[in-house]
Amino acid sequence: MEDRSVTGAGARPAPALRQYVESYVGFDLRGLPAGVHCGPPGRALTVVISLSDDPLGVAAGVDDGSPVTRFGSVAGGLMCRSVAIHHDGRQRGVLVALTPLGARALYGMPAAELARRLVPLDELLGALAVELSDRLRAARTWAARFAVLDELLLRAVVRGSQGDHGHGVRPEVAQAWRLLVAARGGVQVGALAGELGWSRRYLTERFRGELGLSPKTFARVLRFAHAHELAAVGDPLPWGEVAAVSGYADQAHLVRDWREFTGRSPTAWRRGEVLLGAG
């Protein structure tokens, strides 16, 4: 029987990439029970590149009948619900978290075009995605893999800067994203619009047009992501305290959002989430 283990590493990207790419995380999971991992929505667009022979089995929703699609590497936009990652107890790969600026810089499109979607990475990066996957698989250490990511993602940014991808992200929209993230969603959209010198309606239109979610919806995603982070640690707080710390009115409010964003109640999520306590 295979030993149960969870190993990996994380890194920040090269300085020239940091306005576009938040982080790299390498993971190697072995000997876990087969099941479904709920990949929660959050503040970043994601890329997952499998380092295993078997492709990733991913569905756009949990327990809702969404079809499972197989990807060697997959890119996703901002989401309003968890994605279901099906596995047989083993997973090995790299996760890249992008800022909204990264969608235009790397893919040549606003993040809104990927919102609520999962697409093969090669549809966005072409031959560079194939090279990226091949070189990541050939590398023997996490440090070497992160160096490959730096090199090829910088190449994608340079290639993108030579094309015509429109006017880029409005600075006010980028600032709104930063302020919402810094407050973990705990800011009123009207107050945020006032700080930017815009009306609430205009901010909502511009924000949704660039990111694919309204600022109000994105704030809810951020609040849920904070609660999920608190609930996923090895020795989590009671649910009532998770709700209070992450800014919910009460535990019932948290439960409603948890069901919406994961497709499960908090209790059912904790019982069924195969990666909890895996370390």
C-alpha atoms as a PDB file:
ATOM      1  CA  MET A   1       0.000   0.000   0.000  1.00  0.00           C
ATOM      2  CA  GLU A   2       1.334   3.416  -0.943  1.00  0.00           C
ATOM      3  CA  ASP A   3       2.395   5.625   1.957  1.00  0.00           C
ATOM      4  CA  ARG A   4       0.201   8.669   2.531  1.00  0.00           C
ATOM      5  CA  SER A   5       2.103  11.874   1.926  1.00  0.00           C
ATOM      6  CA  VAL A   6       1.551  15.496   0.924  1.00  0.00           C
ATOM      7  CA  THR A   7       4.622  17.381  -0.199  1.00  0.00           C
ATOM      8  CA  GLY A   8       5.319  20.420  -2.312  1.00  0.00           C
ATOM      9  CA  ALA A   9       6.753  23.896  -2.355  1.00  0.00           C
ATOM     10  CA  GLY A  10       5.772  27.480  -3.046  1.00  0.00           C
ATOM     11  CA  ALA A  11       7.520  30.503  -4.494  1.00  0.00           C
ATOM     12  CA  ARG A  12       6.990  34.058  -5.614  1.00  0.00           C
ATOM     13  CA  PRO A  13       7.571  34.742  -9.292  1.00  0.00           C
ATOM     14  CA  ALA A  14      10.412  36.865 -10.667  1.00  0.00           C
ATOM     15  CA  PRO A  15      10.024  40.588  -9.797  1.00  0.00           C
ATOM     16  CA  ALA A  16       9.164  41.486 -13.395  1.00  0.00           C
ATOM     17  CA  LEU A  17       6.146  39.147 -13.189  1.00  0.00           C
ATOM     18  CA  ARG A  18       4.713  40.092  -9.815  1.00  0.00           C
ATOM     19  CA  GLN A  19       2.057  42.523 -11.030  1.00  0.00           C
ATOM     20  CA  TYR A  20       0.709  39.683 -13.183  1.00  0.00           C
ATOM     21  CA  VAL A  21       1.452  36.522 -11.185  1.00  0.00           C
ATOM     22  CA  GLU A  22       0.869  36.199  -7.437  1.00  0.00           C
ATOM     23  CA  SER A  23       2.412  32.842  -6.652  1.00  0.00           C
ATOM     24  CA  TYR A  24       3.532  29.369  -7.677  1.00  0.00           C
ATOM     25  CA  VAL A  25       2.591  26.265  -5.691  1.00  0.00           C
ATOM     26  CA  GLY A  26       3.937  22.806  -6.483  1.00  0.00           C
ATOM     27  CA  PHE A  27       2.089  19.822  -5.022  1.00  0.00           C
ATOM     28  CA  ASP A  28       2.668  16.082  -4.821  1.00  0.00           C
ATOM     29  CA  LEU A  29      -0.139  14.137  -3.162  1.00  0.00           C
ATOM     30  CA  ARG A  30       0.134  10.362  -2.713  1.00  0.00           C
ATOM     31  CA  GLY A  31      -1.770   7.655  -0.902  1.00  0.00           C
ATOM     32  CA  LEU A  32      -4.847   9.781  -0.185  1.00  0.00           C
ATOM     33  CA  PRO A  33      -8.367   8.396  -0.374  1.00  0.00           C
ATOM     34  CA  ALA A  34      -9.835   8.722  -3.845  1.00  0.00           C
ATOM     35  CA  GLY A  35     -12.485  11.381  -4.037  1.00  0.00           C
ATOM     36  CA  VAL A  36     -13.335  14.932  -4.982  1.00  0.00           C
ATOM     37  CA  HIS A  37     -11.453  18.026  -3.889  1.00  0.00           C
ATOM     38  CA  CYS A  38     -13.480  21.266  -3.908  1.00  0.00           C
ATOM     39  CA  GLY A  39     -11.287  23.949  -5.430  1.00  0.00           C
ATOM     40  CA  PRO A  40     -12.825  27.082  -3.905  1.00  0.00           C
ATOM     41  CA  PRO A  41     -13.322  30.402  -5.688  1.00  0.00           C
ATOM     42  CA  GLY A  42     -10.942  33.150  -4.654  1.00  0.00           C
ATOM     43  CA  ARG A  43      -9.217  36.349  -5.654  1.00  0.00           C
ATOM     44  CA  ALA A  44      -6.967  34.947  -8.390  1.00  0.00           C
ATOM     45  CA  LEU A  45      -7.290  33.413 -11.823  1.00  0.00           C
ATOM     46  CA  THR A  46      -5.653  29.994 -11.769  1.00  0.00           C
ATOM     47  CA  VAL A  47      -3.582  27.752 -13.983  1.00  0.00           C
ATOM     48  CA  VAL A  48      -2.991  24.108 -13.046  1.00  0.00           C
ATOM     49  CA  ILE A  49      -0.447  22.036 -14.956  1.00  0.00           C
ATOM     50  CA  SER A  50      -0.400  18.312 -14.276  1.00  0.00           C
ATOM     51  CA  LEU A  51       2.984  16.629 -13.836  1.00  0.00           C
ATOM     52  CA  SER A  52       1.402  13.171 -13.778  1.00  0.00           C
ATOM     53  CA  ASP A  53       0.770  10.834 -16.676  1.00  0.00           C
ATOM     54  CA  ASP A  54      -2.963  11.034 -16.025  1.00  0.00           C
ATOM     55  CA  PRO A  55      -4.698  14.316 -16.888  1.00  0.00           C
ATOM     56  CA  LEU A  56      -6.667  16.303 -14.343  1.00  0.00           C
ATOM     57  CA  GLY A  57     -10.369  15.451 -14.097  1.00  0.00           C
ATOM     58  CA  VAL A  58     -12.179  18.735 -13.424  1.00  0.00           C
ATOM     59  CA  ALA A  59     -15.835  19.755 -13.349  1.00  0.00           C
ATOM     60  CA  ALA A  60     -17.113  23.336 -13.196  1.00  0.00           C
ATOM     61  CA  GLY A  61     -19.348  22.565 -10.201  1.00  0.00           C
ATOM     62  CA  VAL A  62     -19.573  20.205  -7.217  1.00  0.00           C
ATOM     63  CA  ASP A  63     -22.354  17.622  -6.907  1.00  0.00           C
ATOM     64  CA  ASP A  64     -24.435  19.436  -9.543  1.00  0.00           C
ATOM     65  CA  GLY A  65     -24.085  17.128 -12.531  1.00  0.00           C
ATOM     66  CA  SER A  66     -21.395  19.208 -14.241  1.00  0.00           C
ATOM     67  CA  PRO A  67     -19.465  17.010 -16.684  1.00  0.00           C
ATOM     68  CA  VAL A  68     -15.909  16.005 -15.815  1.00  0.00           C
ATOM     69  CA  THR A  69     -13.380  17.160 -18.418  1.00  0.00           C
ATOM     70  CA  ARG A  70      -9.802  15.881 -18.656  1.00  0.00           C
ATOM     71  CA  PHE A  71      -7.050  18.484 -18.893  1.00  0.00           C
ATOM     72  CA  GLY A  72      -3.283  18.173 -19.078  1.00  0.00           C
ATOM     73  CA  SER A  73      -3.193  21.842 -18.122  1.00  0.00           C
ATOM     74  CA  VAL A  74      -6.155  24.074 -17.431  1.00  0.00           C
ATOM     75  CA  ALA A  75      -6.729  27.809 -17.013  1.00  0.00           C
ATOM     76  CA  GLY A  76      -9.671  29.290 -15.161  1.00  0.00           C
ATOM     77  CA  GLY A  77     -11.052  32.757 -14.619  1.00  0.00           C
ATOM     78  CA  LEU A  78     -12.637  34.178 -11.497  1.00  0.00           C
ATOM     79  CA  MET A  79     -15.307  31.798 -10.236  1.00  0.00           C
ATOM     80  CA  CYS A  80     -18.527  32.040  -8.228  1.00  0.00           C
ATOM     81  CA  ARG A  81     -18.488  28.404  -7.137  1.00  0.00           C
ATOM     82  CA  SER A  82     -16.010  25.658  -6.382  1.00  0.00           C
ATOM     83  CA  VAL A  83     -14.662  23.443  -9.112  1.00  0.00           C
ATOM     84  CA  ALA A  84     -14.619  19.695  -8.488  1.00  0.00           C
ATOM     85  CA  ILE A  85     -11.226  18.047  -8.918  1.00  0.00           C
ATOM     86  CA  HIS A  86     -11.646  14.285  -9.187  1.00  0.00           C
ATOM     87  CA  HIS A  87      -8.681  12.059  -8.395  1.00  0.00           C
ATOM     88  CA  ASP A  88      -7.686   8.549  -7.422  1.00  0.00           C
ATOM     89  CA  GLY A  89      -5.593   9.538  -4.405  1.00  0.00           C
ATOM     90  CA  ARG A  90      -2.628  10.866  -6.362  1.00  0.00           C
ATOM     91  CA  GLN A  91      -2.048  14.287  -7.849  1.00  0.00           C
ATOM     92  CA  ARG A  92       1.157  15.993  -8.889  1.00  0.00           C
ATOM     93  CA  GLY A  93       1.372  19.377 -10.519  1.00  0.00           C
ATOM     94  CA  VAL A  94       1.898  23.110 -10.328  1.00  0.00           C
ATOM     95  CA  LEU A  95      -0.666  25.803  -9.582  1.00  0.00           C
ATOM     96  CA  VAL A  96      -0.097  29.358 -10.804  1.00  0.00           C
ATOM     97  CA  ALA A  97      -2.206  32.212  -9.383  1.00  0.00           C
ATOM     98  CA  LEU A  98      -2.665  35.211 -11.680  1.00  0.00           C
ATOM     99  CA  THR A  99      -3.875  38.717 -10.925  1.00  0.00           C
ATOM    100  CA  PRO A 100      -6.520  40.231 -13.233  1.00  0.00           C
ATOM    101  CA  LEU A 101      -3.678  42.142 -14.900  1.00  0.00           C
ATOM    102  CA  GLY A 102      -2.153  38.784 -15.770  1.00  0.00           C
ATOM    103  CA  ALA A 103      -5.015  37.852 -18.100  1.00  0.00           C
ATOM    104  CA  ARG A 104      -4.250  40.708 -20.470  1.00  0.00           C
ATOM    105  CA  ALA A 105      -0.477  40.387 -20.099  1.00  0.00           C
ATOM    106  CA  LEU A 106      -0.302  36.612 -20.650  1.00  0.00           C
ATOM    107  CA  TYR A 107      -3.413  35.789 -22.671  1.00  0.00           C
ATOM    108  CA  GLY A 108      -4.119  39.055 -24.464  1.00  0.00           C
ATOM    109  CA  MET A 109      -7.693  39.293 -23.155  1.00  0.00           C
ATOM    110  CA  PRO A 110      -9.548  40.755 -20.171  1.00  0.00           C
ATOM    111  CA  ALA A 111     -10.115  38.417 -17.253  1.00  0.00           C
ATOM    112  CA  ALA A 112     -13.859  38.745 -17.929  1.00  0.00           C
ATOM    113  CA  GLU A 113     -13.521  36.500 -20.993  1.00  0.00           C
ATOM    114  CA  LEU A 114     -12.491  33.619 -18.696  1.00  0.00           C
ATOM    115  CA  ALA A 115     -14.898  34.265 -15.816  1.00  0.00           C
ATOM    116  CA  ARG A 116     -16.724  31.094 -14.700  1.00  0.00           C
ATOM    117  CA  ARG A 117     -14.851  29.104 -17.360  1.00  0.00           C
ATOM    118  CA  LEU A 118     -12.226  26.363 -17.512  1.00  0.00           C
ATOM    119  CA  VAL A 119     -10.236  26.082 -20.753  1.00  0.00           C
ATOM    120  CA  PRO A 120      -7.167  24.126 -21.896  1.00  0.00           C
ATOM    121  CA  LEU A 121      -4.077  26.264 -21.416  1.00  0.00           C
ATOM    122  CA  ASP A 122      -2.916  25.649 -24.967  1.00  0.00           C
ATOM    123  CA  GLU A 123      -6.022  27.449 -26.245  1.00  0.00           C
ATOM    124  CA  LEU A 124      -4.623  30.576 -24.610  1.00  0.00           C
ATOM    125  CA  LEU A 125      -0.849  30.189 -24.952  1.00  0.00           C
ATOM    126  CA  GLY A 126      -0.534  27.893 -27.966  1.00  0.00           C
ATOM    127  CA  ALA A 127       2.809  26.158 -28.447  1.00  0.00           C
ATOM    128  CA  LEU A 128       4.221  27.931 -25.398  1.00  0.00           C
ATOM    129  CA  ALA A 129       1.813  25.934 -23.193  1.00  0.00           C
ATOM    130  CA  VAL A 130       3.108  22.674 -24.678  1.00  0.00           C
ATOM    131  CA  GLU A 131       6.713  23.733 -24.086  1.00  0.00           C
ATOM    132  CA  LEU A 132       5.843  24.774 -20.546  1.00  0.00           C
ATOM    133  CA  SER A 133       4.298  21.406 -19.725  1.00  0.00           C
ATOM    134  CA  ASP A 134       7.169  19.449 -21.296  1.00  0.00           C
ATOM    135  CA  ARG A 135       9.862  21.429 -19.495  1.00  0.00           C
ATOM    136  CA  LEU A 136       8.094  21.305 -16.132  1.00  0.00           C
ATOM    137  CA  ARG A 137       7.877  17.523 -16.420  1.00  0.00           C
ATOM    138  CA  ALA A 138      11.550  17.282 -17.351  1.00  0.00           C
ATOM    139  CA  ALA A 139      12.721  19.418 -14.404  1.00  0.00           C
ATOM    140  CA  ARG A 140      13.737  17.464 -11.306  1.00  0.00           C
ATOM    141  CA  THR A 141      13.289  19.997  -8.479  1.00  0.00           C
ATOM    142  CA  TRP A 142      10.624  22.525  -7.526  1.00  0.00           C
ATOM    143  CA  ALA A 143      13.188  25.326  -7.810  1.00  0.00           C
ATOM    144  CA  ALA A 144      13.963  24.274 -11.373  1.00  0.00           C
ATOM    145  CA  ARG A 145      10.258  24.136 -12.226  1.00  0.00           C
ATOM    146  CA  PHE A 146       9.660  27.602 -10.802  1.00  0.00           C
ATOM    147  CA  ALA A 147      12.593  28.892 -12.876  1.00  0.00           C
ATOM    148  CA  VAL A 148      10.943  27.418 -15.985  1.00  0.00           C
ATOM    149  CA  LEU A 149       7.700  29.199 -15.094  1.00  0.00           C
ATOM    150  CA  ASP A 150       9.567  32.509 -14.709  1.00  0.00           C
ATOM    151  CA  GLU A 151      11.283  32.111 -18.070  1.00  0.00           C
ATOM    152  CA  LEU A 152       8.267  31.105 -20.133  1.00  0.00           C
ATOM    153  CA  LEU A 153       5.728  33.397 -18.486  1.00  0.00           C
ATOM    154  CA  LEU A 154       8.095  36.331 -18.996  1.00  0.00           C
ATOM    155  CA  ARG A 155       8.316  35.293 -22.632  1.00  0.00           C
ATOM    156  CA  ALA A 156       4.522  35.322 -22.843  1.00  0.00           C
ATOM    157  CA  VAL A 157       4.401  38.821 -21.339  1.00  0.00           C
ATOM    158  CA  VAL A 158       6.985  40.106 -23.804  1.00  0.00           C
ATOM    159  CA  ARG A 159       5.093  38.497 -26.682  1.00  0.00           C
ATOM    160  CA  GLY A 160       1.854  40.040 -25.452  1.00  0.00           C
ATOM    161  CA  SER A 161       3.367  43.506 -25.155  1.00  0.00           C
ATOM    162  CA  GLN A 162       4.150  43.411 -28.874  1.00  0.00           C
ATOM    163  CA  GLY A 163       0.517  42.886 -29.838  1.00  0.00           C
ATOM    164  CA  ASP A 164      -2.547  45.101 -29.732  1.00  0.00           C
ATOM    165  CA  HIS A 165      -4.627  44.023 -26.759  1.00  0.00           C
ATOM    166  CA  GLY A 166      -6.689  47.136 -26.289  1.00  0.00           C
ATOM    167  CA  HIS A 167      -6.238  49.769 -23.653  1.00  0.00           C
ATOM    168  CA  GLY A 168      -5.354  47.521 -20.734  1.00  0.00           C
ATOM    169  CA  VAL A 169      -6.903  47.503 -17.279  1.00  0.00           C
ATOM    170  CA  ARG A 170      -8.236  50.855 -16.118  1.00  0.00           C
ATOM    171  CA  PRO A 171      -6.137  51.969 -13.114  1.00  0.00           C
ATOM    172  CA  GLU A 172      -9.327  52.585 -11.112  1.00  0.00           C
ATOM    173  CA  VAL A 173     -10.457  49.000 -11.700  1.00  0.00           C
ATOM    174  CA  ALA A 174      -7.046  47.664 -10.682  1.00  0.00           C
ATOM    175  CA  GLN A 175      -7.183  49.833  -7.547  1.00  0.00           C
ATOM    176  CA  ALA A 176     -10.693  48.612  -6.730  1.00  0.00           C
ATOM    177  CA  TRP A 177      -9.476  45.012  -7.006  1.00  0.00           C
ATOM    178  CA  ARG A 178      -6.530  45.749  -4.692  1.00  0.00           C
ATOM    179  CA  LEU A 179      -8.720  47.493  -2.102  1.00  0.00           C
ATOM    180  CA  LEU A 180     -11.282  44.689  -2.089  1.00  0.00           C
ATOM    181  CA  VAL A 181      -8.549  42.075  -1.693  1.00  0.00           C
ATOM    182  CA  ALA A 182      -6.847  44.028   1.103  1.00  0.00           C
ATOM    183  CA  ALA A 183     -10.159  44.255   2.997  1.00  0.00           C
ATOM    184  CA  ARG A 184     -11.028  40.573   2.294  1.00  0.00           C
ATOM    185  CA  GLY A 185     -14.263  41.844   0.806  1.00  0.00           C
ATOM    186  CA  GLY A 186     -15.146  43.880   3.878  1.00  0.00           C
ATOM    187  CA  VAL A 187     -15.815  47.188   2.142  1.00  0.00           C
ATOM    188  CA  GLN A 188     -19.031  48.719   0.831  1.00  0.00           C
ATOM    189  CA  VAL A 189     -19.151  49.103  -2.938  1.00  0.00           C
ATOM    190  CA  GLY A 190     -20.610  52.590  -2.639  1.00  0.00           C
ATOM    191  CA  ALA A 191     -17.756  53.709  -0.393  1.00  0.00           C
ATOM    192  CA  LEU A 192     -15.256  52.110  -2.758  1.00  0.00           C
ATOM    193  CA  ALA A 193     -16.760  53.931  -5.740  1.00  0.00           C
ATOM    194  CA  GLY A 194     -16.639  57.221  -3.851  1.00  0.00           C
ATOM    195  CA  GLU A 195     -12.976  56.722  -3.058  1.00  0.00           C
ATOM    196  CA  LEU A 196     -12.283  56.230  -6.762  1.00  0.00           C
ATOM    197  CA  GLY A 197     -14.380  59.233  -7.800  1.00  0.00           C
ATOM    198  CA  TRP A 198     -16.885  57.094  -9.688  1.00  0.00           C
ATOM    199  CA  SER A 199     -20.566  56.324  -9.215  1.00  0.00           C
ATOM    200  CA  ARG A 200     -21.455  52.892  -7.876  1.00  0.00           C
ATOM    201  CA  ARG A 201     -23.112  52.000 -11.192  1.00  0.00           C
ATOM    202  CA  TYR A 202     -20.111  53.065 -13.258  1.00  0.00           C
ATOM    203  CA  LEU A 203     -17.692  51.130 -11.032  1.00  0.00           C
ATOM    204  CA  THR A 204     -19.882  48.032 -11.281  1.00  0.00           C
ATOM    205  CA  GLU A 205     -20.004  48.247 -15.075  1.00  0.00           C
ATOM    206  CA  ARG A 206     -16.266  48.803 -15.484  1.00  0.00           C
ATOM    207  CA  PHE A 207     -15.313  46.160 -12.886  1.00  0.00           C
ATOM    208  CA  ARG A 208     -17.597  43.505 -14.355  1.00  0.00           C
ATOM    209  CA  GLY A 209     -16.434  44.344 -17.855  1.00  0.00           C
ATOM    210  CA  GLU A 210     -12.810  43.699 -16.894  1.00  0.00           C
ATOM    211  CA  LEU A 211     -13.054  40.862 -14.359  1.00  0.00           C
ATOM    212  CA  GLY A 212     -16.368  39.205 -15.204  1.00  0.00           C
ATOM    213  CA  LEU A 213     -17.828  39.597 -11.693  1.00  0.00           C
ATOM    214  CA  SER A 214     -19.425  42.640 -10.112  1.00  0.00           C
ATOM    215  CA  PRO A 215     -17.527  44.194  -7.180  1.00  0.00           C
ATOM    216  CA  LYS A 216     -20.339  43.082  -4.846  1.00  0.00           C
ATOM    217  CA  THR A 217     -20.079  39.459  -6.006  1.00  0.00           C
ATOM    218  CA  PHE A 218     -16.286  39.565  -5.847  1.00  0.00           C
ATOM    219  CA  ALA A 219     -16.489  40.908  -2.279  1.00  0.00           C
ATOM    220  CA  ARG A 220     -18.696  37.930  -1.345  1.00  0.00           C
ATOM    221  CA  VAL A 221     -16.182  35.553  -2.933  1.00  0.00           C
ATOM    222  CA  LEU A 222     -13.368  37.146  -0.919  1.00  0.00           C
ATOM    223  CA  ARG A 223     -15.310  36.863   2.353  1.00  0.00           C
ATOM    224  CA  PHE A 224     -16.030  33.201   1.630  1.00  0.00           C
ATOM    225  CA  ALA A 225     -12.367  32.609   0.709  1.00  0.00           C
ATOM    226  CA  HIS A 226     -11.335  34.007   4.100  1.00  0.00           C
ATOM    227  CA  ALA A 227     -13.786  31.683   5.865  1.00  0.00           C
ATOM    228  CA  HIS A 228     -12.555  28.733   3.787  1.00  0.00           C
ATOM    229  CA  GLU A 229      -8.960  29.507   4.719  1.00  0.00           C
ATOM    230  CA  LEU A 230      -9.883  29.539   8.413  1.00  0.00           C
ATOM    231  CA  ALA A 231     -11.876  26.311   8.124  1.00  0.00           C
ATOM    232  CA  ALA A 232      -9.241  24.369   6.172  1.00  0.00           C
ATOM    233  CA  VAL A 233      -6.423  24.560   8.752  1.00  0.00           C
ATOM    234  CA  GLY A 234      -5.450  21.563  10.829  1.00  0.00           C
ATOM    235  CA  ASP A 235      -7.120  22.807  14.029  1.00  0.00           C
ATOM    236  CA  PRO A 236      -9.991  24.968  12.759  1.00  0.00           C
ATOM    237  CA  LEU A 237     -12.120  27.353  14.778  1.00  0.00           C
ATOM    238  CA  PRO A 238     -15.742  26.442  15.528  1.00  0.00           C
ATOM    239  CA  TRP A 239     -18.043  27.449  12.681  1.00  0.00           C
ATOM    240  CA  GLY A 240     -19.557  30.322  14.661  1.00  0.00           C
ATOM    241  CA  GLU A 241     -16.125  31.845  15.198  1.00  0.00           C
ATOM    242  CA  VAL A 242     -15.194  31.292  11.550  1.00  0.00           C
ATOM    243  CA  ALA A 243     -18.319  33.248  10.620  1.00  0.00           C
ATOM    244  CA  ALA A 244     -17.531  36.101  13.015  1.00  0.00           C
ATOM    245  CA  VAL A 245     -13.853  36.437  12.089  1.00  0.00           C
ATOM    246  CA  SER A 246     -14.526  36.415   8.353  1.00  0.00           C
ATOM    247  CA  GLY A 247     -17.232  39.061   8.507  1.00  0.00           C
ATOM    248  CA  TYR A 248     -20.513  37.163   8.319  1.00  0.00           C
ATOM    249  CA  ALA A 249     -23.557  38.411  10.201  1.00  0.00           C
ATOM    250  CA  ASP A 250     -23.963  35.019  11.853  1.00  0.00           C
ATOM    251  CA  GLN A 251     -23.372  31.315  11.305  1.00  0.00           C
ATOM    252  CA  ALA A 252     -26.574  30.918   9.266  1.00  0.00           C
ATOM    253  CA  HIS A 253     -25.278  33.568   6.852  1.00  0.00           C
ATOM    254  CA  LEU A 254     -22.030  31.622   6.490  1.00  0.00           C
ATOM    255  CA  VAL A 255     -23.913  28.371   5.842  1.00  0.00           C
ATOM    256  CA  ARG A 256     -25.941  29.969   3.034  1.00  0.00           C
ATOM    257  CA  ASP A 257     -22.821  31.249   1.299  1.00  0.00           C
ATOM    258  CA  TRP A 258     -20.971  27.981   1.887  1.00  0.00           C
ATOM    259  CA  ARG A 259     -23.733  26.056   0.146  1.00  0.00           C
ATOM    260  CA  GLU A 260     -23.721  28.508  -2.744  1.00  0.00           C
ATOM    261  CA  PHE A 261     -19.954  28.470  -3.239  1.00  0.00           C
ATOM    262  CA  THR A 262     -19.241  24.775  -2.615  1.00  0.00           C
ATOM    263  CA  GLY A 263     -22.517  23.001  -3.303  1.00  0.00           C
ATOM    264  CA  ARG A 264     -22.325  21.519   0.211  1.00  0.00           C
ATOM    265  CA  SER A 265     -23.083  22.503   3.774  1.00  0.00           C
ATOM    266  CA  PRO A 266     -20.008  23.273   5.893  1.00  0.00           C
ATOM    267  CA  THR A 267     -20.438  19.954   7.733  1.00  0.00           C
ATOM    268  CA  ALA A 268     -20.806  17.931   4.529  1.00  0.00           C
ATOM    269  CA  TRP A 269     -17.835  19.766   3.006  1.00  0.00           C
ATOM    270  CA  ARG A 270     -15.616  18.928   5.999  1.00  0.00           C
ATOM    271  CA  ARG A 271     -16.737  15.306   5.949  1.00  0.00           C
ATOM    272  CA  GLY A 272     -16.167  14.889   2.219  1.00  0.00           C
ATOM    273  CA  GLU A 273     -13.094  17.040   1.523  1.00  0.00           C
ATOM    274  CA  VAL A 274     -10.333  14.486   0.944  1.00  0.00           C
ATOM    275  CA  LEU A 275      -7.435  16.889   1.429  1.00  0.00           C
ATOM    276  CA  LEU A 276      -8.350  18.142   4.907  1.00  0.00           C
ATOM    277  CA  GLY A 277      -5.754  17.033   7.420  1.00  0.00           C
ATOM    278  CA  ALA A 278      -3.769  15.389   4.656  1.00  0.00           C
ATOM    279  CA  GLY A 279      -0.544  16.863   5.898  1.00  0.00           C
END
